[in-house]
Amino acid sequence: MKTRALLVFSSLLIAACYNDKEAILYPETNCVPPAAPSYQADVTPIMSQYCTSCHSGAFASGGILLDSYPEVKKYVDNGKLIGSITWASGVSPMPKNGNKLSSCNISKIQAWVTAGAPNN
């Protein structure tokens, strides 16, 4: 009975660890940054999924708003947006207490910034 319980427990533990490493086990292989990156089509979905739950509204974390183009553009212009999402030294890594954004999402945001961060 103890052996069976140990086997079940071990299986659950391994399954839990497996799900924690999804980004490592299944890297994004079909990611191609857009040739003409768009704030609305490429950046807003990423920001909505990973950033605005903390960085929007009256109680935005750290007073940093990231729920509109003008607010995001401020952090593009000062270099903190790219620094935060790439976890560069000297910048607070984001998302806070979460996993680093996928390389695909980072490359989409970087392509948009490289294109001049257009409001499109």
PDB file of N, CA and C in Angstrom:
ATOM      1  N   MET A   1       0.818  -1.186   0.000  1.00  0.00           N
ATOM      2  CA  MET A   1       0.000   0.000   0.000  1.00  0.00           C
ATOM      3  C   MET A   1       0.869   1.259   0.000  1.00  0.00           C
ATOM      4  N   LYS A   2       1.939   1.264   0.835  1.00  0.00           N
ATOM      5  CA  LYS A   2       2.834   2.416   0.876  1.00  0.00           C
ATOM      6  C   LYS A   2       3.513   2.625  -0.465  1.00  0.00           C
ATOM      7  N   THR A   3       3.895   1.544  -1.118  1.00  0.00           N
ATOM      8  CA  THR A   3       4.565   1.644  -2.413  1.00  0.00           C
ATOM      9  C   THR A   3       3.631   2.267  -3.439  1.00  0.00           C
ATOM     10  N   ARG A   4       2.376   1.847  -3.436  1.00  0.00           N
ATOM     11  CA  ARG A   4       1.409   2.394  -4.381  1.00  0.00           C
ATOM     12  C   ARG A   4       1.173   3.887  -4.110  1.00  0.00           C
ATOM     13  N   ALA A   5       1.054   4.260  -2.862  1.00  0.00           N
ATOM     14  CA  ALA A   5       0.849   5.667  -2.503  1.00  0.00           C
ATOM     15  C   ALA A   5       2.061   6.498  -2.922  1.00  0.00           C
ATOM     16  N   LEU A   6       3.240   5.973  -2.715  1.00  0.00           N
ATOM     17  CA  LEU A   6       4.456   6.659  -3.114  1.00  0.00           C
ATOM     18  C   LEU A   6       4.515   6.816  -4.621  1.00  0.00           C
ATOM     19  N   LEU A   7       4.121   5.800  -5.345  1.00  0.00           N
ATOM     20  CA  LEU A   7       4.098   5.850  -6.801  1.00  0.00           C
ATOM     21  C   LEU A   7       3.120   6.915  -7.293  1.00  0.00           C
ATOM     22  N   VAL A   8       1.937   6.986  -6.705  1.00  0.00           N
ATOM     23  CA  VAL A   8       0.936   7.996  -7.079  1.00  0.00           C
ATOM     24  C   VAL A   8       1.462   9.392  -6.755  1.00  0.00           C
ATOM     25  N   PHE A   9       2.013   9.560  -5.564  1.00  0.00           N
ATOM     26  CA  PHE A   9       2.557  10.854  -5.165  1.00  0.00           C
ATOM     27  C   PHE A   9       3.678  11.285  -6.110  1.00  0.00           C
ATOM     28  N   SER A  10       4.580  10.378  -6.437  1.00  0.00           N
ATOM     29  CA  SER A  10       5.690  10.682  -7.335  1.00  0.00           C
ATOM     30  C   SER A  10       5.182  11.084  -8.713  1.00  0.00           C
ATOM     31  N   SER A  11       4.166  10.393  -9.197  1.00  0.00           N
ATOM     32  CA  SER A  11       3.593  10.721 -10.501  1.00  0.00           C
ATOM     33  C   SER A  11       3.009  12.124 -10.510  1.00  0.00           C
ATOM     34  N   LEU A  12       2.317  12.493  -9.440  1.00  0.00           N
ATOM     35  CA  LEU A  12       1.743  13.831  -9.352  1.00  0.00           C
ATOM     36  C   LEU A  12       2.822  14.894  -9.263  1.00  0.00           C
ATOM     37  N   LEU A  13       3.856  14.610  -8.524  1.00  0.00           N
ATOM     38  CA  LEU A  13       4.955  15.550  -8.381  1.00  0.00           C
ATOM     39  C   LEU A  13       5.644  15.774  -9.715  1.00  0.00           C
ATOM     40  N   ILE A  14       5.910  14.712 -10.434  1.00  0.00           N
ATOM     41  CA  ILE A  14       6.555  14.830 -11.745  1.00  0.00           C
ATOM     42  C   ILE A  14       5.662  15.587 -12.708  1.00  0.00           C
ATOM     43  N   ALA A  15       4.379  15.320 -12.704  1.00  0.00           N
ATOM     44  CA  ALA A  15       3.445  16.017 -13.591  1.00  0.00           C
ATOM     45  C   ALA A  15       3.421  17.511 -13.274  1.00  0.00           C
ATOM     46  N   ALA A  16       3.465  17.865 -11.999  1.00  0.00           N
ATOM     47  CA  ALA A  16       3.452  19.270 -11.622  1.00  0.00           C
ATOM     48  C   ALA A  16       4.712  19.969 -12.104  1.00  0.00           C
ATOM     49  N   CYS A  17       5.842  19.339 -11.970  1.00  0.00           N
ATOM     50  CA  CYS A  17       7.099  19.919 -12.440  1.00  0.00           C
ATOM     51  C   CYS A  17       7.106  20.041 -13.957  1.00  0.00           C
ATOM     52  N   TYR A  18       6.555  19.084 -14.617  1.00  0.00           N
ATOM     53  CA  TYR A  18       6.495  19.091 -16.071  1.00  0.00           C
ATOM     54  C   TYR A  18       5.784  20.343 -16.564  1.00  0.00           C
ATOM     55  N   ASN A  19       4.653  20.690 -15.962  1.00  0.00           N
ATOM     56  CA  ASN A  19       3.899  21.853 -16.396  1.00  0.00           C
ATOM     57  C   ASN A  19       4.622  23.157 -16.096  1.00  0.00           C
ATOM     58  N   ASP A  20       5.460  23.183 -15.074  1.00  0.00           N
ATOM     59  CA  ASP A  20       6.200  24.385 -14.737  1.00  0.00           C
ATOM     60  C   ASP A  20       7.257  24.730 -15.777  1.00  0.00           C
ATOM     61  N   LYS A  21       7.666  23.773 -16.571  1.00  0.00           N
ATOM     62  CA  LYS A  21       8.761  23.975 -17.520  1.00  0.00           C
ATOM     63  C   LYS A  21       8.274  23.996 -18.970  1.00  0.00           C
ATOM     64  N   GLU A  22       7.018  24.328 -19.188  1.00  0.00           N
ATOM     65  CA  GLU A  22       6.439  24.284 -20.525  1.00  0.00           C
ATOM     66  C   GLU A  22       7.233  25.126 -21.525  1.00  0.00           C
ATOM     67  N   ALA A  23       7.626  26.326 -21.124  1.00  0.00           N
ATOM     68  CA  ALA A  23       8.345  27.201 -22.046  1.00  0.00           C
ATOM     69  C   ALA A  23       9.689  26.612 -22.456  1.00  0.00           C
ATOM     70  N   ILE A  24      10.303  25.853 -21.553  1.00  0.00           N
ATOM     71  CA  ILE A  24      11.587  25.232 -21.872  1.00  0.00           C
ATOM     72  C   ILE A  24      11.376  23.998 -22.740  1.00  0.00           C
ATOM     73  N   LEU A  25      10.377  23.203 -22.391  1.00  0.00           N
ATOM     74  CA  LEU A  25      10.131  21.963 -23.127  1.00  0.00           C
ATOM     75  C   LEU A  25       9.541  22.197 -24.511  1.00  0.00           C
ATOM     76  N   TYR A  26       8.767  23.258 -24.651  1.00  0.00           N
ATOM     77  CA  TYR A  26       8.099  23.537 -25.920  1.00  0.00           C
ATOM     78  C   TYR A  26       8.395  24.961 -26.376  1.00  0.00           C
ATOM     79  N   PRO A  27       9.623  25.235 -26.786  1.00  0.00           N
ATOM     80  CA  PRO A  27       9.943  26.590 -27.221  1.00  0.00           C
ATOM     81  C   PRO A  27       9.143  26.952 -28.475  1.00  0.00           C
ATOM     82  N   GLU A  28       8.881  28.228 -28.616  1.00  0.00           N
ATOM     83  CA  GLU A  28       8.128  28.687 -29.777  1.00  0.00           C
ATOM     84  C   GLU A  28       9.027  28.616 -31.007  1.00  0.00           C
ATOM     85  N   THR A  29       8.632  27.841 -31.958  1.00  0.00           N
ATOM     86  CA  THR A  29       9.459  27.671 -33.149  1.00  0.00           C
ATOM     87  C   THR A  29       8.866  28.375 -34.365  1.00  0.00           C
ATOM     88  N   ASN A  30       7.630  28.810 -34.281  1.00  0.00           N
ATOM     89  CA  ASN A  30       6.976  29.434 -35.424  1.00  0.00           C
ATOM     90  C   ASN A  30       6.832  30.938 -35.265  1.00  0.00           C
ATOM     91  N   CYS A  31       7.661  31.527 -34.475  1.00  0.00           N
ATOM     92  CA  CYS A  31       7.541  32.953 -34.225  1.00  0.00           C
ATOM     93  C   CYS A  31       8.352  33.738 -35.241  1.00  0.00           C
ATOM     94  N   VAL A  32       7.667  34.582 -35.957  1.00  0.00           N
ATOM     95  CA  VAL A  32       8.333  35.484 -36.889  1.00  0.00           C
ATOM     96  C   VAL A  32       7.853  36.886 -36.545  1.00  0.00           C
ATOM     97  N   PRO A  33       8.757  37.741 -36.073  1.00  0.00           N
ATOM     98  CA  PRO A  33       8.328  39.107 -35.756  1.00  0.00           C
ATOM     99  C   PRO A  33       7.744  39.767 -37.005  1.00  0.00           C
ATOM    100  N   PRO A  34       6.719  40.560 -36.846  1.00  0.00           N
ATOM    101  CA  PRO A  34       6.076  41.184 -37.996  1.00  0.00           C
ATOM    102  C   PRO A  34       7.006  42.152 -38.719  1.00  0.00           C
ATOM    103  N   ALA A  35       6.892  42.193 -40.043  1.00  0.00           N
ATOM    104  CA  ALA A  35       7.705  43.116 -40.845  1.00  0.00           C
ATOM    105  C   ALA A  35       7.288  44.560 -40.581  1.00  0.00           C
ATOM    106  N   ALA A  36       5.999  44.772 -40.368  1.00  0.00           N
ATOM    107  CA  ALA A  36       5.477  46.101 -40.064  1.00  0.00           C
ATOM    108  C   ALA A  36       4.723  46.001 -38.735  1.00  0.00           C
ATOM    109  N   PRO A  37       5.446  46.043 -37.614  1.00  0.00           N
ATOM    110  CA  PRO A  37       4.805  45.851 -36.315  1.00  0.00           C
ATOM    111  C   PRO A  37       3.770  46.923 -36.004  1.00  0.00           C
ATOM    112  N   SER A  38       2.726  46.497 -35.325  1.00  0.00           N
ATOM    113  CA  SER A  38       1.617  47.381 -34.989  1.00  0.00           C
ATOM    114  C   SER A  38       1.393  47.370 -33.483  1.00  0.00           C
ATOM    115  N   TYR A  39       1.176  48.568 -32.930  1.00  0.00           N
ATOM    116  CA  TYR A  39       0.882  48.650 -31.503  1.00  0.00           C
ATOM    117  C   TYR A  39      -0.394  47.877 -31.188  1.00  0.00           C
ATOM    118  N   GLN A  40      -1.449  48.120 -31.958  1.00  0.00           N
ATOM    119  CA  GLN A  40      -2.733  47.474 -31.691  1.00  0.00           C
ATOM    120  C   GLN A  40      -2.694  45.969 -31.916  1.00  0.00           C
ATOM    121  N   ALA A  41      -2.097  45.525 -33.005  1.00  0.00           N
ATOM    122  CA  ALA A  41      -2.132  44.101 -33.352  1.00  0.00           C
ATOM    123  C   ALA A  41      -1.073  43.269 -32.634  1.00  0.00           C
ATOM    124  N   ASP A  42       0.083  43.843 -32.376  1.00  0.00           N
ATOM    125  CA  ASP A  42       1.200  43.063 -31.845  1.00  0.00           C
ATOM    126  C   ASP A  42       1.518  43.340 -30.377  1.00  0.00           C
ATOM    127  N   VAL A  43       1.476  44.591 -29.974  1.00  0.00           N
ATOM    128  CA  VAL A  43       1.906  44.959 -28.620  1.00  0.00           C
ATOM    129  C   VAL A  43       0.755  44.918 -27.619  1.00  0.00           C
ATOM    130  N   THR A  44      -0.393  45.481 -27.979  1.00  0.00           N
ATOM    131  CA  THR A  44      -1.519  45.537 -27.042  1.00  0.00           C
ATOM    132  C   THR A  44      -1.930  44.164 -26.503  1.00  0.00           C
ATOM    133  N   PRO A  45      -2.013  43.119 -27.328  1.00  0.00           N
ATOM    134  CA  PRO A  45      -2.383  41.813 -26.763  1.00  0.00           C
ATOM    135  C   PRO A  45      -1.390  41.300 -25.714  1.00  0.00           C
ATOM    136  N   ILE A  46      -0.116  41.543 -25.937  1.00  0.00           N
ATOM    137  CA  ILE A  46       0.907  41.113 -24.974  1.00  0.00           C
ATOM    138  C   ILE A  46       0.785  41.915 -23.689  1.00  0.00           C
ATOM    139  N   MET A  47       0.636  43.225 -23.829  1.00  0.00           N
ATOM    140  CA  MET A  47       0.504  44.084 -22.654  1.00  0.00           C
ATOM    141  C   MET A  47      -0.752  43.715 -21.865  1.00  0.00           C
ATOM    142  N   SER A  48      -1.839  43.440 -22.568  1.00  0.00           N
ATOM    143  CA  SER A  48      -3.086  43.071 -21.896  1.00  0.00           C
ATOM    144  C   SER A  48      -2.953  41.761 -21.130  1.00  0.00           C
ATOM    145  N   GLN A  49      -2.240  40.820 -21.713  1.00  0.00           N
ATOM    146  CA  GLN A  49      -2.105  39.512 -21.068  1.00  0.00           C
ATOM    147  C   GLN A  49      -1.141  39.529 -19.893  1.00  0.00           C
ATOM    148  N   TYR A  50      -0.053  40.285 -20.002  1.00  0.00           N
ATOM    149  CA  TYR A  50       1.001  40.180 -18.992  1.00  0.00           C
ATOM    150  C   TYR A  50       1.233  41.425 -18.127  1.00  0.00           C
ATOM    151  N   CYS A  51       0.723  42.574 -18.532  1.00  0.00           N
ATOM    152  CA  CYS A  51       1.110  43.806 -17.843  1.00  0.00           C
ATOM    153  C   CYS A  51      -0.026  44.574 -17.180  1.00  0.00           C
ATOM    154  N   THR A  52      -1.142  44.694 -17.884  1.00  0.00           N
ATOM    155  CA  THR A  52      -2.169  45.622 -17.398  1.00  0.00           C
ATOM    156  C   THR A  52      -2.943  45.138 -16.181  1.00  0.00           C
ATOM    157  N   SER A  53      -2.807  43.871 -15.822  1.00  0.00           N
ATOM    158  CA  SER A  53      -3.480  43.442 -14.590  1.00  0.00           C
ATOM    159  C   SER A  53      -2.886  44.168 -13.380  1.00  0.00           C
ATOM    160  N   CYS A  54      -1.638  44.555 -13.460  1.00  0.00           N
ATOM    161  CA  CYS A  54      -1.001  45.303 -12.368  1.00  0.00           C
ATOM    162  C   CYS A  54      -0.794  46.783 -12.712  1.00  0.00           C
ATOM    163  N   HIS A  55      -0.608  47.074 -13.987  1.00  0.00           N
ATOM    164  CA  HIS A  55      -0.233  48.426 -14.403  1.00  0.00           C
ATOM    165  C   HIS A  55      -1.349  49.137 -15.151  1.00  0.00           C
ATOM    166  N   SER A  56      -2.495  49.260 -14.494  1.00  0.00           N
ATOM    167  CA  SER A  56      -3.603  50.030 -15.059  1.00  0.00           C
ATOM    168  C   SER A  56      -4.496  50.514 -13.925  1.00  0.00           C
ATOM    169  N   GLY A  57      -5.305  51.493 -14.232  1.00  0.00           N
ATOM    170  CA  GLY A  57      -6.276  51.984 -13.258  1.00  0.00           C
ATOM    171  C   GLY A  57      -5.687  52.878 -12.182  1.00  0.00           C
ATOM    172  N   ALA A  58      -6.518  53.221 -11.225  1.00  0.00           N
ATOM    173  CA  ALA A  58      -6.144  54.157 -10.166  1.00  0.00           C
ATOM    174  C   ALA A  58      -5.067  53.617  -9.235  1.00  0.00           C
ATOM    175  N   PHE A  59      -4.953  52.300  -9.135  1.00  0.00           N
ATOM    176  CA  PHE A  59      -3.991  51.712  -8.202  1.00  0.00           C
ATOM    177  C   PHE A  59      -2.885  50.960  -8.938  1.00  0.00           C
ATOM    178  N   ALA A  60      -2.406  51.521 -10.021  1.00  0.00           N
ATOM    179  CA  ALA A  60      -1.363  50.885 -10.823  1.00  0.00           C
ATOM    180  C   ALA A  60      -0.112  50.655  -9.978  1.00  0.00           C
ATOM    181  N   SER A  61       0.438  49.460 -10.081  1.00  0.00           N
ATOM    182  CA  SER A  61       1.633  49.090  -9.325  1.00  0.00           C
ATOM    183  C   SER A  61       2.782  50.041  -9.639  1.00  0.00           C
ATOM    184  N   GLY A  62       3.372  50.579  -8.608  1.00  0.00           N
ATOM    185  CA  GLY A  62       4.499  51.495  -8.767  1.00  0.00           C
ATOM    186  C   GLY A  62       4.129  52.791  -9.454  1.00  0.00           C
ATOM    187  N   GLY A  63       2.829  53.045  -9.614  1.00  0.00           N
ATOM    188  CA  GLY A  63       2.386  54.247 -10.318  1.00  0.00           C
ATOM    189  C   GLY A  63       2.649  54.180 -11.813  1.00  0.00           C
ATOM    190  N   ILE A  64       2.976  52.989 -12.308  1.00  0.00           N
ATOM    191  CA  ILE A  64       3.298  52.807 -13.731  1.00  0.00           C
ATOM    192  C   ILE A  64       2.061  52.319 -14.469  1.00  0.00           C
ATOM    193  N   LEU A  65       1.582  53.139 -15.390  1.00  0.00           N
ATOM    194  CA  LEU A  65       0.436  52.776 -16.220  1.00  0.00           C
ATOM    195  C   LEU A  65       0.927  52.264 -17.564  1.00  0.00           C
ATOM    196  N   LEU A  66       0.367  51.158 -18.008  1.00  0.00           N
ATOM    197  CA  LEU A  66       0.735  50.587 -19.304  1.00  0.00           C
ATOM    198  C   LEU A  66      -0.510  50.194 -20.098  1.00  0.00           C
ATOM    199  N   ASP A  67      -1.577  50.947 -19.896  1.00  0.00           N
ATOM    200  CA  ASP A  67      -2.844  50.580 -20.523  1.00  0.00           C
ATOM    201  C   ASP A  67      -3.219  51.444 -21.720  1.00  0.00           C
ATOM    202  N   SER A  68      -2.306  52.291 -22.162  1.00  0.00           N
ATOM    203  CA  SER A  68      -2.574  53.116 -23.339  1.00  0.00           C
ATOM    204  C   SER A  68      -1.262  53.397 -24.068  1.00  0.00           C
ATOM    205  N   TYR A  69      -1.388  53.751 -25.323  1.00  0.00           N
ATOM    206  CA  TYR A  69      -0.182  54.029 -26.118  1.00  0.00           C
ATOM    207  C   TYR A  69       0.692  55.117 -25.483  1.00  0.00           C
ATOM    208  N   PRO A  70       0.146  56.291 -25.104  1.00  0.00           N
ATOM    209  CA  PRO A  70       1.027  57.331 -24.536  1.00  0.00           C
ATOM    210  C   PRO A  70       1.783  56.861 -23.295  1.00  0.00           C
ATOM    211  N   GLU A  71       1.134  56.045 -22.475  1.00  0.00           N
ATOM    212  CA  GLU A  71       1.796  55.546 -21.268  1.00  0.00           C
ATOM    213  C   GLU A  71       2.902  54.553 -21.617  1.00  0.00           C
ATOM    214  N   VAL A  72       2.628  53.634 -22.519  1.00  0.00           N
ATOM    215  CA  VAL A  72       3.637  52.651 -22.936  1.00  0.00           C
ATOM    216  C   VAL A  72       4.804  53.368 -23.603  1.00  0.00           C
ATOM    217  N   LYS A  73       4.508  54.355 -24.423  1.00  0.00           N
ATOM    218  CA  LYS A  73       5.552  55.085 -25.171  1.00  0.00           C
ATOM    219  C   LYS A  73       6.537  55.757 -24.227  1.00  0.00           C
ATOM    220  N   LYS A  74       6.072  56.226 -23.067  1.00  0.00           N
ATOM    221  CA  LYS A  74       6.990  56.834 -22.090  1.00  0.00           C
ATOM    222  C   LYS A  74       8.085  55.843 -21.692  1.00  0.00           C
ATOM    223  N   TYR A  75       7.704  54.589 -21.508  1.00  0.00           N
ATOM    224  CA  TYR A  75       8.663  53.579 -21.068  1.00  0.00           C
ATOM    225  C   TYR A  75       9.483  53.016 -22.223  1.00  0.00           C
ATOM    226  N   VAL A  76       8.986  53.175 -23.425  1.00  0.00           N
ATOM    227  CA  VAL A  76       9.801  52.865 -24.605  1.00  0.00           C
ATOM    228  C   VAL A  76      10.898  53.916 -24.703  1.00  0.00           C
ATOM    229  N   ASP A  77      10.510  55.175 -24.594  1.00  0.00           N
ATOM    230  CA  ASP A  77      11.453  56.283 -24.763  1.00  0.00           C
ATOM    231  C   ASP A  77      12.547  56.308 -23.708  1.00  0.00           C
ATOM    232  N   ASN A  78      12.238  55.885 -22.478  1.00  0.00           N
ATOM    233  CA  ASN A  78      13.277  55.911 -21.445  1.00  0.00           C
ATOM    234  C   ASN A  78      14.042  54.578 -21.350  1.00  0.00           C
ATOM    235  N   GLY A  79      13.675  53.610 -22.201  1.00  0.00           N
ATOM    236  CA  GLY A  79      14.388  52.330 -22.258  1.00  0.00           C
ATOM    237  C   GLY A  79      13.956  51.300 -21.232  1.00  0.00           C
ATOM    238  N   LYS A  80      13.052  51.679 -20.345  1.00  0.00           N
ATOM    239  CA  LYS A  80      12.672  50.757 -19.272  1.00  0.00           C
ATOM    240  C   LYS A  80      11.755  49.631 -19.730  1.00  0.00           C
ATOM    241  N   LEU A  81      10.987  49.834 -20.800  1.00  0.00           N
ATOM    242  CA  LEU A  81      10.110  48.755 -21.256  1.00  0.00           C
ATOM    243  C   LEU A  81      10.941  47.572 -21.732  1.00  0.00           C
ATOM    244  N   ILE A  82      11.869  47.810 -22.630  1.00  0.00           N
ATOM    245  CA  ILE A  82      12.709  46.719 -23.143  1.00  0.00           C
ATOM    246  C   ILE A  82      13.585  46.165 -22.024  1.00  0.00           C
ATOM    247  N   GLY A  83      14.135  47.027 -21.196  1.00  0.00           N
ATOM    248  CA  GLY A  83      14.952  46.571 -20.073  1.00  0.00           C
ATOM    249  C   GLY A  83      14.184  45.657 -19.133  1.00  0.00           C
ATOM    250  N   SER A  84      12.938  45.995 -18.854  1.00  0.00           N
ATOM    251  CA  SER A  84      12.120  45.196 -17.939  1.00  0.00           C
ATOM    252  C   SER A  84      11.742  43.847 -18.526  1.00  0.00           C
ATOM    253  N   ILE A  85      11.340  43.824 -19.796  1.00  0.00           N
ATOM    254  CA  ILE A  85      10.877  42.555 -20.369  1.00  0.00           C
ATOM    255  C   ILE A  85      12.025  41.627 -20.739  1.00  0.00           C
ATOM    256  N   THR A  86      13.230  42.191 -20.926  1.00  0.00           N
ATOM    257  CA  THR A  86      14.397  41.340 -21.214  1.00  0.00           C
ATOM    258  C   THR A  86      15.178  41.013 -19.943  1.00  0.00           C
ATOM    259  N   TRP A  87      14.721  41.544 -18.844  1.00  0.00           N
ATOM    260  CA  TRP A  87      15.329  41.343 -17.534  1.00  0.00           C
ATOM    261  C   TRP A  87      16.784  41.832 -17.513  1.00  0.00           C
ATOM    262  N   ALA A  88      16.991  43.000 -18.105  1.00  0.00           N
ATOM    263  CA  ALA A  88      18.324  43.605 -18.129  1.00  0.00           C
ATOM    264  C   ALA A  88      18.719  44.030 -16.720  1.00  0.00           C
ATOM    265  N   SER A  89      20.014  43.999 -16.442  1.00  0.00           N
ATOM    266  CA  SER A  89      20.468  44.411 -15.109  1.00  0.00           C
ATOM    267  C   SER A  89      20.205  45.900 -14.932  1.00  0.00           C
ATOM    268  N   GLY A  90      19.883  46.263 -13.702  1.00  0.00           N
ATOM    269  CA  GLY A  90      19.603  47.653 -13.385  1.00  0.00           C
ATOM    270  C   GLY A  90      18.148  48.059 -13.615  1.00  0.00           C
ATOM    271  N   VAL A  91      17.343  47.129 -14.110  1.00  0.00           N
ATOM    272  CA  VAL A  91      15.926  47.410 -14.366  1.00  0.00           C
ATOM    273  C   VAL A  91      15.114  46.320 -13.679  1.00  0.00           C
ATOM    274  N   SER A  92      13.978  46.700 -13.120  1.00  0.00           N
ATOM    275  CA  SER A  92      13.126  45.723 -12.447  1.00  0.00           C
ATOM    276  C   SER A  92      12.551  44.741 -13.470  1.00  0.00           C
ATOM    277  N   PRO A  93      12.833  43.437 -13.295  1.00  0.00           N
ATOM    278  CA  PRO A  93      12.336  42.453 -14.263  1.00  0.00           C
ATOM    279  C   PRO A  93      10.819  42.283 -14.184  1.00  0.00           C
ATOM    280  N   MET A  94      10.206  42.250 -15.340  1.00  0.00           N
ATOM    281  CA  MET A  94       8.754  42.091 -15.418  1.00  0.00           C
ATOM    282  C   MET A  94       8.412  40.927 -16.322  1.00  0.00           C
ATOM    283  N   PRO A  95       7.310  40.278 -16.099  1.00  0.00           N
ATOM    284  CA  PRO A  95       6.330  40.499 -15.050  1.00  0.00           C
ATOM    285  C   PRO A  95       6.893  40.139 -13.671  1.00  0.00           C
ATOM    286  N   LYS A  96       6.562  40.967 -12.700  1.00  0.00           N
ATOM    287  CA  LYS A  96       7.025  40.770 -11.323  1.00  0.00           C
ATOM    288  C   LYS A  96       6.486  39.450 -10.788  1.00  0.00           C
ATOM    289  N   ASN A  97       7.366  38.676 -10.190  1.00  0.00           N
ATOM    290  CA  ASN A  97       7.019  37.371  -9.604  1.00  0.00           C
ATOM    291  C   ASN A  97       6.434  36.405 -10.620  1.00  0.00           C
ATOM    292  N   GLY A  98       6.764  36.589 -11.877  1.00  0.00           N
ATOM    293  CA  GLY A  98       6.273  35.701 -12.926  1.00  0.00           C
ATOM    294  C   GLY A  98       7.413  35.244 -13.809  1.00  0.00           C
ATOM    295  N   ASN A  99       7.082  34.461 -14.792  1.00  0.00           N
ATOM    296  CA  ASN A  99       8.089  34.012 -15.751  1.00  0.00           C
ATOM    297  C   ASN A  99       8.381  35.120 -16.741  1.00  0.00           C
ATOM    298  N   LYS A 100       9.572  35.092 -17.266  1.00  0.00           N
ATOM    299  CA  LYS A 100       9.961  36.032 -18.302  1.00  0.00           C
ATOM    300  C   LYS A 100       9.060  35.818 -19.515  1.00  0.00           C
ATOM    301  N   LEU A 101       8.743  36.894 -20.220  1.00  0.00           N
ATOM    302  CA  LEU A 101       7.964  36.764 -21.445  1.00  0.00           C
ATOM    303  C   LEU A 101       8.678  35.817 -22.405  1.00  0.00           C
ATOM    304  N   SER A 102       7.929  35.185 -23.258  1.00  0.00           N
ATOM    305  CA  SER A 102       8.532  34.286 -24.242  1.00  0.00           C
ATOM    306  C   SER A 102       9.423  35.096 -25.180  1.00  0.00           C
ATOM    307  N   SER A 103      10.396  34.440 -25.765  1.00  0.00           N
ATOM    308  CA  SER A 103      11.280  35.120 -26.710  1.00  0.00           C
ATOM    309  C   SER A 103      10.482  35.664 -27.887  1.00  0.00           C
ATOM    310  N   CYS A 104       9.400  34.979 -28.245  1.00  0.00           N
ATOM    311  CA  CYS A 104       8.541  35.448 -29.333  1.00  0.00           C
ATOM    312  C   CYS A 104       7.894  36.783 -28.963  1.00  0.00           C
ATOM    313  N   ASN A 105       7.315  36.867 -27.787  1.00  0.00           N
ATOM    314  CA  ASN A 105       6.675  38.115 -27.368  1.00  0.00           C
ATOM    315  C   ASN A 105       7.687  39.239 -27.222  1.00  0.00           C
ATOM    316  N   ILE A 106       8.856  38.927 -26.695  1.00  0.00           N
ATOM    317  CA  ILE A 106       9.904  39.940 -26.576  1.00  0.00           C
ATOM    318  C   ILE A 106      10.313  40.424 -27.963  1.00  0.00           C
ATOM    319  N   SER A 107      10.475  39.518 -28.911  1.00  0.00           N
ATOM    320  CA  SER A 107      10.897  39.923 -30.258  1.00  0.00           C
ATOM    321  C   SER A 107       9.827  40.766 -30.955  1.00  0.00           C
ATOM    322  N   LYS A 108       8.552  40.491 -30.683  1.00  0.00           N
ATOM    323  CA  LYS A 108       7.478  41.318 -31.263  1.00  0.00           C
ATOM    324  C   LYS A 108       7.551  42.747 -30.726  1.00  0.00           C
ATOM    325  N   ILE A 109       7.755  42.871 -29.415  1.00  0.00           N
ATOM    326  CA  ILE A 109       7.844  44.206 -28.818  1.00  0.00           C
ATOM    327  C   ILE A 109       9.113  44.905 -29.293  1.00  0.00           C
ATOM    328  N   GLN A 110      10.223  44.190 -29.355  1.00  0.00           N
ATOM    329  CA  GLN A 110      11.463  44.786 -29.826  1.00  0.00           C
ATOM    330  C   GLN A 110      11.343  45.243 -31.282  1.00  0.00           C
ATOM    331  N   ALA A 111      10.678  44.466 -32.115  1.00  0.00           N
ATOM    332  CA  ALA A 111      10.487  44.859 -33.522  1.00  0.00           C
ATOM    333  C   ALA A 111       9.669  46.144 -33.609  1.00  0.00           C
ATOM    334  N   TRP A 112       8.659  46.247 -32.765  1.00  0.00           N
ATOM    335  CA  TRP A 112       7.827  47.450 -32.740  1.00  0.00           C
ATOM    336  C   TRP A 112       8.651  48.664 -32.278  1.00  0.00           C
ATOM    337  N   VAL A 113       9.460  48.480 -31.252  1.00  0.00           N
ATOM    338  CA  VAL A 113      10.309  49.583 -30.761  1.00  0.00           C
ATOM    339  C   VAL A 113      11.324  49.968 -31.829  1.00  0.00           C
ATOM    340  N   THR A 114      11.948  48.995 -32.467  1.00  0.00           N
ATOM    341  CA  THR A 114      12.932  49.260 -33.517  1.00  0.00           C
ATOM    342  C   THR A 114      12.308  50.014 -34.691  1.00  0.00           C
ATOM    343  N   ALA A 115      11.031  49.745 -34.950  1.00  0.00           N
ATOM    344  CA  ALA A 115      10.320  50.442 -36.038  1.00  0.00           C
ATOM    345  C   ALA A 115       9.903  51.855 -35.644  1.00  0.00           C
ATOM    346  N   GLY A 116      10.284  52.289 -34.454  1.00  0.00           N
ATOM    347  CA  GLY A 116       9.959  53.635 -34.002  1.00  0.00           C
ATOM    348  C   GLY A 116       8.764  53.695 -33.079  1.00  0.00           C
ATOM    349  N   ALA A 117       8.283  52.552 -32.638  1.00  0.00           N
ATOM    350  CA  ALA A 117       7.130  52.453 -31.731  1.00  0.00           C
ATOM    351  C   ALA A 117       5.932  53.247 -32.261  1.00  0.00           C
ATOM    352  N   PRO A 118       5.510  52.940 -33.491  1.00  0.00           N
ATOM    353  CA  PRO A 118       4.401  53.715 -34.073  1.00  0.00           C
ATOM    354  C   PRO A 118       3.073  53.461 -33.355  1.00  0.00           C
ATOM    355  N   ASN A 119       2.235  54.482 -33.362  1.00  0.00           N
ATOM    356  CA  ASN A 119       0.901  54.390 -32.769  1.00  0.00           C
ATOM    357  C   ASN A 119      -0.062  53.953 -33.873  1.00  0.00           C
ATOM    358  N   ASN A 120      -0.017  52.654 -34.151  1.00  0.00           N
ATOM    359  CA  ASN A 120      -0.843  52.112 -35.238  1.00  0.00           C
ATOM    360  C   ASN A 120      -1.594  50.886 -34.812  1.00  0.00           C
TER     361      ASN A 120
END
